[in-house]
Amino acid sequence: MHLYRSAALLLLAGGSSTSDAFVPSATSASPSKPSSIITTDSTEVGSLTVPSIGCGTIAWSTDAMTGRPSPELEDLVSTACEQRGGDGGNILFDTGERYGSHFKTALGMGWGETERLVSKLVRECADIDGGDDGGITSTEVNKPVVATKFTPSPWRTTVDSVVEACEESRKRLGVDSIDLYQIQMPDIVKPLRFLGVDRSYDEVYWDGLAECYHRGMVKNVGVSNYGPTLVTECHRHLAKRGVPLASNQIAYSLIGRQNGAQQTLDRCNELGVKVLAYYPFAMGLLTGKYTSTSPDLMAEGSLLATAEDALLATSHSISSLTNSRRSNFEKKDLERYAKGDGKNIPLGGVAPLLRIMERIATDREKTLAQVALNYIVCKGAVPIPGARTSAQYADNMGALGWRLTEEEVALMETEADNLGFSFDGAGFKRSDAKFVGYGMEKWSLT
């Protein structure tokens, strides 16, 4: 277990060409210089100061037999906690009340599972003390930032239903006040729509966020999967209640800028609403996981120098690349994106873009994953890549402390646009829809 942590710390300390501190925005770097080194790398999300890259927890779960988190997750959080503080702000862990094991959540169970797990792991960090209820104390300096989400549901139709859900999340996290409380998606779950029962409760949920904010239950509020129109309406609605809208979480990546994503990012930047980007790797496509033929340019572990790091990279590559947790349905879609089908996706798939990214990664001594993340930071958003091991976390954080040049960004965007397709998810995991038991419900970033 300590091998994971020590190797990850070596990556964080020496795997980048810059210091471990952080930067307020991409504009801090000089885009005309091929080596744009940053001394600090943080950003503001509402009242929070966080690193320019967060950490997603949707894939976190406990062992089915013991109920404990895996040693890899324990090492990940320990590594992250040891690296927090300074000008870079606090670690940002993003979770949600509906995050949990796929089996339980598919059956409508497991609510709050990952919130409890995040609280437990953060509490066990050596220098974080538990509160009276065993949760994360709210008085710690440089404590991790934890964002969670409210899930719109057919039985939640009042302001009080939002307040009650927030209170349950607050208890599970063990905090006095949640750092960032987000609505997970627009109110689209309407099982009785075929009977004409399809009233939207979005404004009710916004009033619920405002109530939680004014009661001091949350420090900041955000939304997810809102397009330019809806995020503008929400921003205006909350402003009338004296509540700032801090964030909007959407799917965004180098090959996922179409279907309203780029317009949404642009509008959020105008409003001062920070975009948090999920699927920053396009579910692994932009890491070379499915198509890279360059053995020294695999997404993780390609730049490790020591024997210990090499051992870690080998074991990590085996676990995260060959033993994928993707369903066969997801793998089929991803392979179609990766190689093309000659129909909707031209033959060659994403490979032409990866060749450009690999060249940039080689020149900068970075990984493909780091180039993909740094691109999103350069666009003014905070990528939220998932991680299940300290090695993955360390590789993600290697995208901090430097910036791609304007020329590199433009080159990759041109190549991405020339691919002839846009990434919108795989299997039941879509960037514009959610499987809700009785079928898929869609939203639109318009």
Foldseek 3Di string as FASTA:
>chain_A
DVLQQVLLLCLLCPVAPAHNAADAALVVFAQVDQWTFFHHRWYDQDPFIAGLAAAECLPWEPDPVPRHGDPQQLSQLLNQLVSFDDNRGAHEYEEEQLRYDPVQSLVVHDGLRVLLNVQQSLCPHPPFDADPLRGGEPPDPRRHAYEYEDEQDPVPQALVSLVVVLVVSCSSRRYQAHAEYEHEEFNFDDPCVVVVPDDGRRLRNLVSVLVCCVVRNYVAYEYEPAALVRVVVSQVSVVVSVHHHRAYEAADWLQACPLRNVVRLVSCVVSNHAYEHECLCLVVLQQCLQPDPDPLQGNFLNLDDDPSSNVVRVVCCCCPRVVPPDDPQQVVVSNCQCANDCPQFNGRHCVVLNVLLSVSCVVNVAHSLLSGQLLVSNSRHHYHYYDSGSRVVSNNSSNGRTHHRPVSSVVSSVSSVVRNHGRAGTDQDGRFWHQDNVGITGDGND
